[in-house]
Amino acid sequence: MKKILVVCGNGLGSSMMVEMNINSILKDMGKEADVSHTDLTTAKSERADLFLGSEDIVGSLDDGNRNVVQLKNLMDKKELRTALENNL
């Protein structure tokens, strides 16, 4: 099963809402994944198939080995769905 990690500055509010949106979108797509959220510092030591977050935060995770998607608007479900369709 794929692991998706939603990353934000503190790993609390916005990443938790994005996690809920991802779970809803995955259900609509008929796909399953292990989705969780965390802060940037913790994310640097985590392993996942896909890291999602805002451009200003998650970009620092892109080391050439991680699958990182930088979102322009965390609350845009259409952008989020496109990111999932293109990266899962």
N, C-alpha and C. Protein backbone atom coordinates (compact mmCIF):
# COMPACT_ATOMS: atom_id res chain seq x y z
N MET A 1 0.83 -1.17 0.00
CA MET A 1 0.00 0.00 0.00
C MET A 1 0.88 1.24 0.00
N LYS A 2 0.51 2.20 -0.81
CA LYS A 2 1.26 3.46 -0.90
C LYS A 2 1.12 4.26 0.38
N LYS A 3 2.17 5.00 0.72
CA LYS A 3 2.14 5.88 1.88
C LYS A 3 2.23 7.32 1.40
N ILE A 4 1.27 8.14 1.83
CA ILE A 4 1.23 9.56 1.49
C ILE A 4 1.43 10.34 2.78
N LEU A 5 2.34 11.30 2.75
CA LEU A 5 2.62 12.12 3.91
C LEU A 5 2.33 13.57 3.57
N VAL A 6 1.42 14.18 4.32
CA VAL A 6 1.07 15.59 4.15
C VAL A 6 1.92 16.38 5.14
N VAL A 7 2.63 17.38 4.63
CA VAL A 7 3.59 18.12 5.45
C VAL A 7 3.19 19.58 5.56
N CYS A 8 3.24 20.10 6.80
CA CYS A 8 3.06 21.55 6.99
C CYS A 8 4.02 22.00 8.08
N GLY A 9 4.01 23.26 8.37
CA GLY A 9 4.97 23.82 9.31
C GLY A 9 4.95 23.17 10.69
N ASN A 10 3.76 23.01 11.25
CA ASN A 10 3.64 22.44 12.59
C ASN A 10 3.03 21.05 12.62
N GLY A 11 2.52 20.58 11.50
CA GLY A 11 1.92 19.25 11.44
C GLY A 11 0.59 19.15 12.15
N LEU A 12 -0.11 20.26 12.25
CA LEU A 12 -1.38 20.26 12.98
C LEU A 12 -2.55 20.59 12.07
N GLY A 13 -2.95 21.85 12.01
CA GLY A 13 -4.18 22.27 11.36
C GLY A 13 -4.32 22.00 9.88
N SER A 14 -3.53 22.68 9.08
CA SER A 14 -3.73 22.57 7.63
C SER A 14 -3.42 21.18 7.11
N SER A 15 -2.39 20.54 7.62
CA SER A 15 -2.05 19.21 7.12
C SER A 15 -3.12 18.19 7.50
N MET A 16 -3.76 18.38 8.63
CA MET A 16 -4.82 17.46 9.03
C MET A 16 -6.03 17.61 8.11
N MET A 17 -6.36 18.84 7.74
CA MET A 17 -7.48 19.07 6.82
C MET A 17 -7.17 18.50 5.44
N VAL A 18 -5.94 18.66 4.98
CA VAL A 18 -5.54 18.10 3.68
C VAL A 18 -5.59 16.58 3.73
N GLU A 19 -5.17 15.99 4.84
CA GLU A 19 -5.25 14.53 4.99
C GLU A 19 -6.69 14.05 4.83
N MET A 20 -7.63 14.74 5.46
CA MET A 20 -9.03 14.37 5.33
C MET A 20 -9.51 14.50 3.89
N ASN A 21 -9.09 15.56 3.21
CA ASN A 21 -9.46 15.74 1.80
C ASN A 21 -8.87 14.64 0.92
N ILE A 22 -7.63 14.26 1.19
CA ILE A 22 -6.99 13.20 0.41
C ILE A 22 -7.76 11.89 0.59
N ASN A 23 -8.11 11.56 1.82
CA ASN A 23 -8.86 10.33 2.06
C ASN A 23 -10.18 10.33 1.30
N SER A 24 -10.85 11.47 1.26
CA SER A 24 -12.11 11.58 0.53
C SER A 24 -11.90 11.41 -0.98
N ILE A 25 -10.87 12.05 -1.51
CA ILE A 25 -10.57 11.96 -2.94
C ILE A 25 -10.17 10.53 -3.32
N LEU A 26 -9.34 9.90 -2.50
CA LEU A 26 -8.93 8.52 -2.77
C LEU A 26 -10.13 7.60 -2.80
N LYS A 27 -11.07 7.80 -1.89
CA LYS A 27 -12.29 6.98 -1.87
C LYS A 27 -13.06 7.16 -3.17
N ASP A 28 -13.19 8.41 -3.63
CA ASP A 28 -13.88 8.69 -4.90
C ASP A 28 -13.15 8.04 -6.08
N MET A 29 -11.83 7.97 -6.00
CA MET A 29 -11.03 7.39 -7.07
C MET A 29 -10.99 5.86 -6.99
N GLY A 30 -11.48 5.30 -5.90
CA GLY A 30 -11.44 3.86 -5.72
C GLY A 30 -10.05 3.34 -5.39
N LYS A 31 -9.23 4.19 -4.76
CA LYS A 31 -7.86 3.80 -4.41
C LYS A 31 -7.69 3.85 -2.90
N GLU A 32 -6.70 3.13 -2.43
CA GLU A 32 -6.38 3.12 -1.02
C GLU A 32 -4.93 3.52 -0.83
N ALA A 33 -4.68 4.19 0.30
CA ALA A 33 -3.31 4.56 0.67
C ALA A 33 -3.29 4.83 2.16
N ASP A 34 -2.11 4.69 2.72
CA ASP A 34 -1.89 5.04 4.12
C ASP A 34 -1.55 6.53 4.13
N VAL A 35 -2.46 7.36 4.63
CA VAL A 35 -2.29 8.81 4.61
C VAL A 35 -2.10 9.32 6.03
N SER A 36 -1.07 10.13 6.23
CA SER A 36 -0.85 10.75 7.53
C SER A 36 -0.29 12.15 7.33
N HIS A 37 -0.23 12.90 8.41
CA HIS A 37 0.29 14.27 8.34
C HIS A 37 1.35 14.48 9.41
N THR A 38 2.25 15.41 9.14
CA THR A 38 3.34 15.68 10.07
C THR A 38 3.93 17.06 9.82
N ASP A 39 4.86 17.44 10.68
CA ASP A 39 5.57 18.71 10.51
C ASP A 39 6.80 18.50 9.64
N LEU A 40 7.37 19.59 9.17
CA LEU A 40 8.50 19.54 8.24
C LEU A 40 9.72 18.83 8.84
N THR A 41 10.05 19.12 10.08
CA THR A 41 11.23 18.52 10.71
C THR A 41 11.10 17.00 10.77
N THR A 42 9.95 16.50 11.18
CA THR A 42 9.74 15.06 11.25
C THR A 42 9.73 14.44 9.86
N ALA A 43 9.15 15.14 8.90
CA ALA A 43 9.05 14.62 7.53
C ALA A 43 10.42 14.33 6.93
N LYS A 44 11.42 15.07 7.34
CA LYS A 44 12.77 14.89 6.79
C LYS A 44 13.34 13.51 7.10
N SER A 45 12.84 12.89 8.15
CA SER A 45 13.35 11.56 8.50
C SER A 45 12.33 10.45 8.19
N GLU A 46 11.21 10.79 7.61
CA GLU A 46 10.17 9.82 7.28
C GLU A 46 10.35 9.27 5.87
N ARG A 47 9.79 8.09 5.66
CA ARG A 47 9.76 7.49 4.32
C ARG A 47 8.32 7.47 3.86
N ALA A 48 8.10 7.84 2.61
CA ALA A 48 6.76 7.82 2.03
C ALA A 48 6.89 7.73 0.52
N ASP A 49 5.82 7.27 -0.12
CA ASP A 49 5.80 7.21 -1.58
C ASP A 49 5.50 8.57 -2.18
N LEU A 50 4.82 9.42 -1.39
CA LEU A 50 4.45 10.75 -1.88
C LEU A 50 4.40 11.72 -0.72
N PHE A 51 5.10 12.85 -0.88
CA PHE A 51 5.07 13.94 0.09
C PHE A 51 4.29 15.08 -0.54
N LEU A 52 3.30 15.60 0.17
CA LEU A 52 2.48 16.71 -0.33
C LEU A 52 2.53 17.85 0.67
N GLY A 53 2.54 19.08 0.15
CA GLY A 53 2.50 20.24 1.02
C GLY A 53 2.58 21.51 0.21
N SER A 54 2.54 22.63 0.90
CA SER A 54 2.60 23.92 0.21
C SER A 54 4.00 24.15 -0.34
N GLU A 55 4.06 24.94 -1.39
CA GLU A 55 5.33 25.21 -2.08
C GLU A 55 6.41 25.72 -1.14
N ASP A 56 6.05 26.60 -0.23
CA ASP A 56 7.05 27.22 0.63
C ASP A 56 7.61 26.28 1.69
N ILE A 57 6.95 25.17 1.94
CA ILE A 57 7.41 24.26 2.99
C ILE A 57 7.98 22.97 2.41
N VAL A 58 7.22 22.28 1.60
CA VAL A 58 7.60 20.94 1.16
C VAL A 58 8.74 20.95 0.14
N GLY A 59 9.00 22.08 -0.47
CA GLY A 59 10.09 22.18 -1.44
C GLY A 59 11.43 21.81 -0.84
N SER A 60 11.61 22.06 0.45
CA SER A 60 12.90 21.74 1.08
C SER A 60 13.10 20.23 1.26
N LEU A 61 12.06 19.43 1.04
CA LEU A 61 12.19 17.97 1.11
C LEU A 61 12.68 17.37 -0.20
N ASP A 62 12.61 18.13 -1.27
CA ASP A 62 12.95 17.62 -2.59
C ASP A 62 14.45 17.46 -2.73
N ASP A 63 14.91 16.23 -2.52
CA ASP A 63 16.34 15.94 -2.59
C ASP A 63 16.70 15.13 -3.83
N GLY A 64 15.75 14.99 -4.75
CA GLY A 64 15.99 14.21 -5.96
C GLY A 64 15.60 12.75 -5.82
N ASN A 65 15.40 12.29 -4.59
CA ASN A 65 15.02 10.90 -4.34
C ASN A 65 13.58 10.75 -3.89
N ARG A 66 13.02 11.80 -3.36
CA ARG A 66 11.64 11.76 -2.87
C ARG A 66 10.68 12.24 -3.94
N ASN A 67 9.47 11.66 -3.93
CA ASN A 67 8.40 12.11 -4.80
C ASN A 67 7.65 13.22 -4.05
N VAL A 68 7.97 14.47 -4.38
CA VAL A 68 7.44 15.63 -3.66
C VAL A 68 6.54 16.43 -4.59
N VAL A 69 5.34 16.74 -4.11
CA VAL A 69 4.41 17.58 -4.88
C VAL A 69 4.19 18.86 -4.10
N GLN A 70 4.50 19.97 -4.75
CA GLN A 70 4.32 21.29 -4.15
C GLN A 70 2.99 21.86 -4.61
N LEU A 71 2.10 22.09 -3.67
CA LEU A 71 0.77 22.60 -3.97
C LEU A 71 0.73 24.12 -3.84
N LYS A 72 0.06 24.75 -4.77
CA LYS A 72 -0.11 26.21 -4.71
C LYS A 72 -1.16 26.59 -3.67
N ASN A 73 -2.23 25.78 -3.58
CA ASN A 73 -3.32 26.04 -2.65
C ASN A 73 -3.72 24.74 -1.97
N LEU A 74 -3.37 24.59 -0.71
CA LEU A 74 -3.64 23.36 0.02
C LEU A 74 -5.12 22.99 0.07
N MET A 75 -5.99 23.98 0.01
CA MET A 75 -7.42 23.73 0.15
C MET A 75 -8.13 23.52 -1.19
N ASP A 76 -7.40 23.57 -2.28
CA ASP A 76 -7.99 23.39 -3.61
C ASP A 76 -8.09 21.89 -3.91
N LYS A 77 -9.29 21.34 -3.77
CA LYS A 77 -9.49 19.90 -3.95
C LYS A 77 -9.20 19.46 -5.38
N LYS A 78 -9.43 20.33 -6.35
CA LYS A 78 -9.14 19.98 -7.74
C LYS A 78 -7.63 19.82 -7.95
N GLU A 79 -6.85 20.75 -7.42
CA GLU A 79 -5.39 20.65 -7.51
C GLU A 79 -4.89 19.41 -6.78
N LEU A 80 -5.48 19.13 -5.64
CA LEU A 80 -5.09 17.96 -4.86
C LEU A 80 -5.41 16.67 -5.61
N ARG A 81 -6.57 16.60 -6.21
CA ARG A 81 -6.96 15.41 -6.98
C ARG A 81 -6.02 15.20 -8.17
N THR A 82 -5.68 16.28 -8.86
CA THR A 82 -4.77 16.19 -10.00
C THR A 82 -3.40 15.68 -9.52
N ALA A 83 -2.94 16.17 -8.38
CA ALA A 83 -1.65 15.73 -7.84
C ALA A 83 -1.68 14.23 -7.53
N LEU A 84 -2.78 13.77 -6.97
CA LEU A 84 -2.90 12.34 -6.64
C LEU A 84 -2.99 11.50 -7.90
N GLU A 85 -3.78 11.94 -8.88
CA GLU A 85 -3.92 11.19 -10.13
C GLU A 85 -2.58 11.07 -10.86
N ASN A 86 -1.77 12.12 -10.81
CA ASN A 86 -0.50 12.14 -11.54
C ASN A 86 0.64 11.44 -10.80
N ASN A 87 0.46 11.16 -9.50
CA ASN A 87 1.58 10.65 -8.72
C ASN A 87 1.32 9.33 -8.01
N LEU A 88 0.17 8.74 -8.21
CA LEU A 88 -0.09 7.43 -7.59
C LEU A 88 -0.21 6.35 -8.63
